[in-house]
Protein backbone atom coordinates (compact mmCIF):
# COMPACT_ATOMS: atom_id res chain seq x y z
CA UNK A 1 146.22 -56.09 7.13
CA UNK A 2 143.04 -56.27 9.18
CA UNK A 3 143.34 -57.30 12.83
CA UNK A 4 140.23 -59.50 12.42
CA UNK A 5 140.28 -63.02 10.99
CA UNK A 6 138.46 -63.21 7.55
CA UNK A 7 135.35 -65.06 9.04
CA UNK A 8 134.92 -62.24 11.60
CA UNK A 9 135.23 -59.59 8.90
CA UNK A 10 132.52 -61.35 6.91
CA UNK A 11 130.35 -61.55 9.87
CA UNK A 12 130.74 -57.79 10.68
CA UNK A 13 129.91 -56.96 7.11
CA UNK A 14 126.77 -59.11 7.32
CA UNK A 15 125.62 -57.47 10.51
CA UNK A 16 126.25 -54.00 9.24
CA UNK A 17 123.53 -54.66 6.65
CA UNK A 18 120.98 -55.74 9.25
CA UNK A 19 118.00 -53.56 9.44
CA UNK A 20 115.33 -54.05 12.26
CA UNK A 21 111.79 -52.97 11.67
CA UNK A 22 109.67 -52.29 14.66
CA UNK A 23 106.09 -53.60 14.20
CA UNK A 24 104.81 -50.58 16.00
CA UNK A 25 105.93 -48.44 13.06
CA UNK A 26 104.08 -50.52 10.54
CA UNK A 27 101.00 -48.86 9.12
CA UNK A 28 98.18 -51.17 8.57
CA UNK A 29 95.93 -51.23 5.48
CA UNK A 30 92.97 -53.03 4.20
CA UNK A 31 93.21 -55.33 1.25
CA UNK A 32 91.80 -53.80 -1.96
CA UNK A 33 90.01 -56.07 -4.32
CA UNK A 34 89.78 -56.26 -8.05
CA UNK A 35 87.24 -59.13 -7.75
CA UNK A 36 86.37 -60.23 -4.27
CA UNK A 37 87.41 -62.77 -2.99
CA UNK A 38 89.12 -64.17 -6.14
CA UNK A 39 91.63 -61.40 -7.28
CA UNK A 40 93.21 -58.96 -4.91
CA UNK A 41 94.96 -55.66 -5.96
CA UNK A 42 98.62 -55.47 -5.17
CA UNK A 43 99.04 -59.34 -5.10
CA UNK A 44 99.72 -62.22 -7.46
CA UNK A 45 96.84 -64.47 -8.54
CA UNK A 46 97.44 -67.73 -10.39
CA UNK A 47 94.70 -69.10 -12.75
CA UNK A 48 95.54 -72.62 -13.88
CA UNK A 49 93.95 -75.61 -15.54
CA UNK A 50 94.54 -78.30 -18.18
CA UNK A 51 95.01 -77.33 -21.74
CA UNK A 52 91.85 -76.35 -23.48
CA UNK A 53 89.78 -75.89 -20.42
CA UNK A 54 88.97 -72.24 -21.00
CA UNK A 55 91.50 -70.33 -18.83
CA UNK A 56 92.42 -67.82 -21.34
CA UNK A 57 88.83 -67.32 -22.53
CA UNK A 58 87.51 -66.56 -19.12
CA UNK A 59 90.39 -64.23 -18.41
CA UNK A 60 89.81 -62.36 -21.53
CA UNK A 61 86.09 -62.20 -20.69
CA UNK A 62 86.88 -60.66 -17.24
CA UNK A 63 89.32 -58.30 -19.01
CA UNK A 64 86.59 -57.13 -21.31
CA UNK A 65 84.24 -56.46 -18.39
CA UNK A 66 86.85 -54.56 -16.47
CA UNK A 67 87.76 -52.40 -19.61
CA UNK A 68 84.23 -51.11 -19.69
CA UNK A 69 83.89 -50.87 -15.93
CA UNK A 70 81.13 -53.50 -15.89
CA UNK A 71 80.23 -55.61 -12.92
CA UNK A 72 82.13 -58.91 -12.50
CA UNK A 73 80.11 -62.18 -11.51
CA UNK A 74 78.67 -61.81 -7.95
CA UNK A 75 80.42 -58.47 -7.46
CA UNK A 76 78.14 -55.72 -8.38
CA UNK A 77 80.17 -52.83 -7.03
CA UNK A 78 80.34 -49.76 -9.12
CA UNK A 79 83.72 -49.42 -10.78
CA UNK A 80 85.63 -47.30 -13.31
CA UNK A 81 87.06 -48.85 -16.45
CA UNK A 82 90.70 -49.76 -15.80
CA UNK A 83 93.88 -50.14 -18.14
CA UNK A 84 95.03 -53.80 -18.54
CA UNK A 85 98.41 -55.08 -19.79
CA UNK A 86 97.96 -58.48 -21.49
CA UNK A 87 100.95 -60.52 -22.56
CA UNK A 88 100.71 -63.88 -24.23
CA UNK A 89 103.27 -66.22 -25.69
CA UNK A 90 100.93 -68.83 -26.87
CA UNK A 91 98.24 -67.13 -28.92
CA UNK A 92 98.39 -64.63 -31.86
CA UNK A 93 97.26 -61.07 -31.08
CA UNK A 94 95.64 -60.38 -34.41
CA UNK A 95 93.92 -63.88 -35.12
CA UNK A 96 93.04 -65.04 -31.56
CA UNK A 97 93.29 -62.51 -28.77
CA UNK A 98 91.84 -59.47 -30.54
CA UNK A 99 88.94 -61.29 -32.11
CA UNK A 100 88.07 -62.82 -28.66
CA UNK A 101 88.11 -59.37 -27.00
CA UNK A 102 85.96 -57.92 -29.84
CA UNK A 103 83.49 -60.74 -29.33
CA UNK A 104 83.40 -60.04 -25.56
CA UNK A 105 82.73 -56.32 -26.39
CA UNK A 106 85.94 -55.21 -24.72
CA UNK A 107 87.13 -51.56 -24.87
CA UNK A 108 90.36 -52.36 -26.73
CA UNK A 109 91.78 -48.90 -26.11
CA UNK A 110 92.03 -49.94 -22.45
CA UNK A 111 94.01 -53.07 -23.16
CA UNK A 112 97.75 -52.65 -23.82
CA UNK A 113 100.48 -55.06 -25.01
CA UNK A 114 104.34 -54.63 -24.52
CA UNK A 115 105.95 -55.20 -27.83
CA UNK A 116 108.00 -58.42 -27.70
CA UNK A 117 108.85 -58.49 -31.48
CA UNK A 118 112.57 -57.79 -30.85
CA UNK A 119 112.92 -58.90 -27.31
CA UNK A 120 111.00 -61.39 -25.37
CA UNK A 121 109.59 -60.12 -21.98
CA UNK A 122 110.18 -61.70 -18.52
CA UNK A 123 108.78 -61.19 -15.04
CA UNK A 124 112.03 -59.35 -14.05
CA UNK A 125 112.20 -57.18 -17.16
CA UNK A 126 112.33 -53.51 -16.29
CA UNK A 127 110.02 -52.86 -19.18
CA UNK A 128 107.13 -54.47 -17.21
CA UNK A 129 107.36 -51.91 -14.39
CA UNK A 130 107.87 -49.13 -16.87
CA UNK A 131 104.74 -50.17 -18.71
CA UNK A 132 102.68 -50.25 -15.50
CA UNK A 133 103.82 -46.73 -14.70
CA UNK A 134 103.25 -45.37 -18.27
CA UNK A 135 99.74 -46.92 -18.69
CA UNK A 136 98.67 -46.74 -15.16
CA UNK A 137 97.48 -50.37 -15.50
CA UNK A 138 95.65 -51.94 -12.62
CA UNK A 139 95.82 -55.43 -13.96
CA UNK A 140 98.69 -57.30 -15.63
CA UNK A 141 98.12 -60.75 -17.21
CA UNK A 142 101.03 -63.02 -18.18
CA UNK A 143 100.06 -66.12 -20.10
CA UNK A 144 101.58 -68.64 -19.60
CA UNK A 145 103.72 -68.46 -16.44
CA UNK A 146 106.65 -70.52 -17.80
CA UNK A 147 107.10 -68.27 -20.88
CA UNK A 148 107.66 -65.19 -18.70
CA UNK A 149 110.16 -66.63 -16.13
CA UNK A 150 113.26 -65.84 -18.20
CA UNK A 151 115.45 -68.13 -20.12
CA UNK A 152 117.94 -68.76 -17.16
CA UNK A 153 115.25 -69.80 -14.70
CA UNK A 154 114.28 -73.38 -14.02
CA UNK A 155 110.69 -73.36 -12.91
CA UNK A 156 111.12 -76.59 -11.02
CA UNK A 157 113.88 -75.18 -8.69
CA UNK A 158 112.48 -73.23 -5.76
CA UNK A 159 115.69 -71.19 -5.18
CA UNK A 160 115.49 -69.87 -8.74
CA UNK A 161 111.73 -69.09 -8.93
CA UNK A 162 111.49 -67.58 -5.43
CA UNK A 163 113.48 -64.44 -6.25
CA UNK A 164 111.57 -63.97 -9.42
CA UNK A 165 108.18 -64.35 -7.90
CA UNK A 166 109.25 -62.13 -4.86
CA UNK A 167 110.26 -59.30 -7.33
CA UNK A 168 107.03 -59.60 -9.32
CA UNK A 169 105.08 -59.50 -5.96
CA UNK A 170 106.97 -56.29 -4.95
CA UNK A 171 105.96 -54.67 -8.28
CA UNK A 172 102.30 -55.65 -7.70
CA UNK A 173 102.33 -54.19 -4.23
CA UNK A 174 104.23 -50.96 -5.23
CA UNK A 175 101.67 -50.02 -7.82
CA UNK A 176 98.58 -51.60 -6.18
CA UNK A 177 98.29 -53.60 -9.36
CA UNK A 178 96.72 -57.08 -9.69
CA UNK A 179 98.88 -59.60 -11.46
CA UNK A 180 97.47 -62.72 -12.96
CA UNK A 181 99.65 -65.65 -14.03
CA UNK A 182 98.06 -68.11 -16.22
CA UNK A 183 99.39 -71.69 -15.92
CA UNK A 184 99.04 -75.27 -16.99
CA UNK A 185 98.77 -78.20 -14.64
CA UNK A 186 100.79 -81.35 -14.33
CA UNK A 187 99.21 -84.84 -14.53
CA UNK A 188 100.12 -86.18 -11.11
CA UNK A 189 98.27 -85.91 -7.73
CA UNK A 190 94.59 -85.40 -6.81
CA UNK A 191 95.11 -82.19 -4.71
CA UNK A 192 94.82 -79.01 -6.69
CA UNK A 193 97.68 -77.42 -4.61
CA UNK A 194 100.09 -79.99 -6.10
CA UNK A 195 98.87 -79.88 -9.70
CA UNK A 196 100.54 -76.66 -10.82
CA UNK A 197 103.59 -76.87 -13.13
CA UNK A 198 106.91 -76.03 -11.54
CA UNK A 199 107.98 -75.28 -7.99
CA UNK A 200 105.44 -75.22 -5.19
CA UNK A 201 106.80 -71.66 -4.61
CA UNK A 202 104.41 -70.43 -7.29
CA UNK A 203 101.51 -71.48 -5.16
CA UNK A 204 103.18 -70.13 -1.99
CA UNK A 205 103.71 -66.65 -3.25
CA UNK A 206 100.23 -66.35 -4.83
CA UNK A 207 97.67 -65.05 -2.51
CA UNK A 208 94.73 -66.58 -4.64
CA UNK A 209 94.81 -69.62 -6.84
CA UNK A 210 91.85 -70.26 -9.19
CA UNK A 211 91.28 -73.49 -11.03
CA UNK A 212 89.51 -73.69 -14.35
CA UNK A 213 88.12 -77.15 -15.39
CA UNK A 214 85.22 -78.69 -17.27
CA UNK A 215 82.59 -80.90 -15.79
CA UNK A 216 83.23 -84.52 -16.66
CA UNK A 217 79.71 -85.48 -17.66
CA UNK A 218 79.04 -82.03 -19.37
CA UNK A 219 82.18 -80.76 -21.10
CA UNK A 220 80.58 -77.51 -22.45
CA UNK A 221 80.14 -76.44 -18.69
CA UNK A 222 83.33 -75.20 -17.11
CA UNK A 223 83.95 -74.06 -13.60
CA UNK A 224 86.22 -71.57 -11.84
CA UNK A 225 86.98 -72.98 -8.31
CA UNK A 226 89.28 -71.31 -5.84
CA UNK A 227 92.06 -73.64 -4.67
CA UNK A 228 93.67 -71.13 -2.36
CA UNK A 229 92.52 -67.87 -0.72
CA UNK A 230 95.08 -66.31 1.81
CA UNK A 231 93.27 -62.95 2.26
CA UNK A 232 89.53 -63.76 2.53
CA UNK A 233 87.27 -66.81 2.95
CA UNK A 234 87.28 -69.06 -0.20
CA UNK A 235 84.78 -67.89 -2.74
CA UNK A 236 81.95 -70.00 -4.34
CA UNK A 237 82.79 -71.81 -7.50
CA UNK A 238 81.39 -70.22 -10.62
CA UNK A 239 80.13 -72.13 -13.75
CA UNK A 240 80.37 -70.83 -17.27
CA UNK A 241 79.30 -72.30 -20.61
CA UNK A 242 81.70 -72.48 -23.59
CA UNK A 243 80.11 -73.90 -26.68
CA UNK A 244 80.40 -73.45 -30.43
CA UNK A 245 76.64 -72.68 -30.73
CA UNK A 246 76.14 -70.07 -27.88
CA UNK A 247 79.61 -68.91 -27.22
CA UNK A 248 80.67 -67.81 -23.74
CA UNK A 249 78.23 -67.10 -20.81
CA UNK A 250 78.39 -67.18 -17.05
CA UNK A 251 75.88 -69.60 -15.57
CA UNK A 252 76.02 -69.01 -11.80
CA UNK A 253 77.33 -70.69 -8.73
CA UNK A 254 78.24 -74.23 -8.74
CA UNK A 255 78.71 -76.47 -5.65
CA UNK A 256 82.10 -78.13 -6.34
CA UNK A 257 85.54 -77.83 -4.82
CA UNK A 258 88.68 -77.34 -6.74
CA UNK A 259 89.92 -80.80 -5.76
CA UNK A 260 86.59 -82.47 -6.80
CA UNK A 261 86.60 -80.52 -10.07
CA UNK A 262 90.06 -81.88 -10.96
CA UNK A 263 89.05 -85.43 -9.92
CA UNK A 264 85.82 -85.38 -11.87
CA UNK A 265 83.60 -85.50 -8.83
CA UNK A 266 80.37 -83.66 -9.48
CA UNK A 267 77.48 -82.43 -7.46
CA UNK A 268 75.41 -85.57 -8.18
CA UNK A 269 78.18 -87.82 -6.86
CA UNK A 270 78.43 -85.69 -3.78
CA UNK A 271 74.60 -85.97 -3.11
CA UNK A 272 74.84 -89.81 -3.31
CA UNK A 273 77.86 -89.76 -0.99
CA UNK A 274 76.03 -87.42 1.49
CA UNK A 275 72.96 -89.71 1.47
CA UNK A 276 75.11 -92.79 2.00
CA UNK A 277 76.87 -91.07 4.85
CA UNK A 278 73.73 -89.83 6.63
CA UNK A 279 72.34 -93.40 6.35
CA UNK A 280 75.38 -94.76 8.02
CA UNK A 281 75.62 -92.09 10.77
CA UNK A 282 71.92 -92.22 11.67
CA UNK A 283 71.46 -95.97 11.43
CA UNK A 284 71.70 -96.52 15.22
CA UNK A 285 69.74 -93.41 16.30
CA UNK A 286 70.04 -89.70 16.56
CA UNK A 287 73.44 -87.82 16.31
CA UNK A 288 74.48 -84.27 17.15
CA UNK A 289 74.14 -82.03 14.23
CA UNK A 290 77.63 -80.56 14.93
CA UNK A 291 79.19 -84.01 14.73
CA UNK A 292 77.45 -84.81 11.42
CA UNK A 293 78.62 -81.51 10.00
CA UNK A 294 82.17 -82.18 11.16
CA UNK A 295 82.28 -85.68 9.55
CA UNK A 296 80.67 -84.48 6.34
CA UNK A 297 83.38 -81.73 6.10
CA UNK A 298 86.06 -84.41 6.42
CA UNK A 299 84.46 -86.18 3.32
CA UNK A 300 84.49 -82.68 1.60
CA UNK A 301 80.64 -82.52 1.52
CA UNK A 302 79.38 -78.95 1.87
CA UNK A 303 76.62 -77.89 4.26
CA UNK A 304 74.55 -76.85 1.17
CA UNK A 305 74.65 -80.34 -0.21
CA UNK A 306 74.02 -81.91 3.25
CA UNK A 307 70.93 -79.72 3.86
CA UNK A 308 69.53 -80.56 0.29
CA UNK A 309 69.98 -84.29 0.88
CA UNK A 310 68.47 -84.01 4.38
CA UNK A 311 65.32 -82.46 2.94
CA UNK A 312 64.80 -85.42 0.63
CA UNK A 313 65.36 -87.96 3.43
CA UNK A 314 63.29 -88.90 6.37
CA UNK A 315 65.40 -86.94 8.70
CA UNK A 316 64.04 -84.55 11.38
CA UNK A 317 65.91 -81.93 13.54
CA UNK A 318 65.23 -81.95 17.33
CA UNK A 319 66.64 -79.91 20.16
CA UNK A 320 67.65 -81.51 23.40
CA UNK A 321 69.04 -79.09 26.01
CA UNK A 322 71.24 -76.71 24.11
CA UNK A 323 72.10 -79.17 21.41
CA UNK A 324 70.55 -79.90 18.00
CA UNK A 325 70.35 -83.53 16.87
CA UNK A 326 69.37 -85.20 13.59
CA UNK A 327 67.32 -88.31 13.61
CA UNK A 328 66.45 -90.73 10.69
CA UNK A 329 62.75 -91.48 10.71
CA UNK A 330 61.97 -94.95 9.13
CA UNK A 331 59.85 -94.48 5.96
CA UNK A 332 57.22 -97.15 7.05
CA UNK A 333 56.61 -95.38 10.42
């Protein structure tokens, strides 16, 4: 019989497993990017949006570019073609995924699929790690998130999803492989960070979250907006067209936030809001530029929109001492 009470035995067992890491011994390293600042290597990225918004289409387009070593939008670095693992539980490989890849001019020899015909894959399935090693894949895409959690995992329970996401993140880090999880969104809330299906742990573990949505007044135009960026400043939103006549094409940068995209607030609405705000702020005389910028930021109005509206209004900049001010000049003066 042990001379220690059971609770002391348990405590000694717990303490025997303790391992202290000295921060001095940690070797620092820079973040490597698949697509700066949207998709980092060695980390998890979530791409989400409502059904039918173009999530899968835009991811397949990115996969096609990467399979050929071609530049990504606003990232013209030279790159070699990479191997990609693409798993989907929603679309047929032969009638949907392969035709879309062919249409996007993908090198299909670079895009691999783990056979799930006899056994469904999950995020903690050892075959996933084996496939990364065997194919030397630098990108893994799982579409959608909930299909690859595993049958015993409730995606709404943080304690259950945390261990799964943690293990998946460890695999991404171990092999310096970017992992993209494609997810749907729930109907509640106006903030992008609370619209993802399941536990908030999905958002917490991901280092980047991209939102795909369509413009309310022009549904053929979709936008990729970054809702979270833990490793770099948030990237500009990027618009793309998805139509039956012209197919898919990237259009360029678009001035809209993830929250505004989900709430149907577009650039024109923001311009009107900026004009109204400037009229109110400058009605009683000049105001410090820094103060105006701060208030505009609180209203989620970007500096770009503010500057555009300022040019179209009777507003002049003047420097007093070390400070810049904006002043509204009456149109009849």
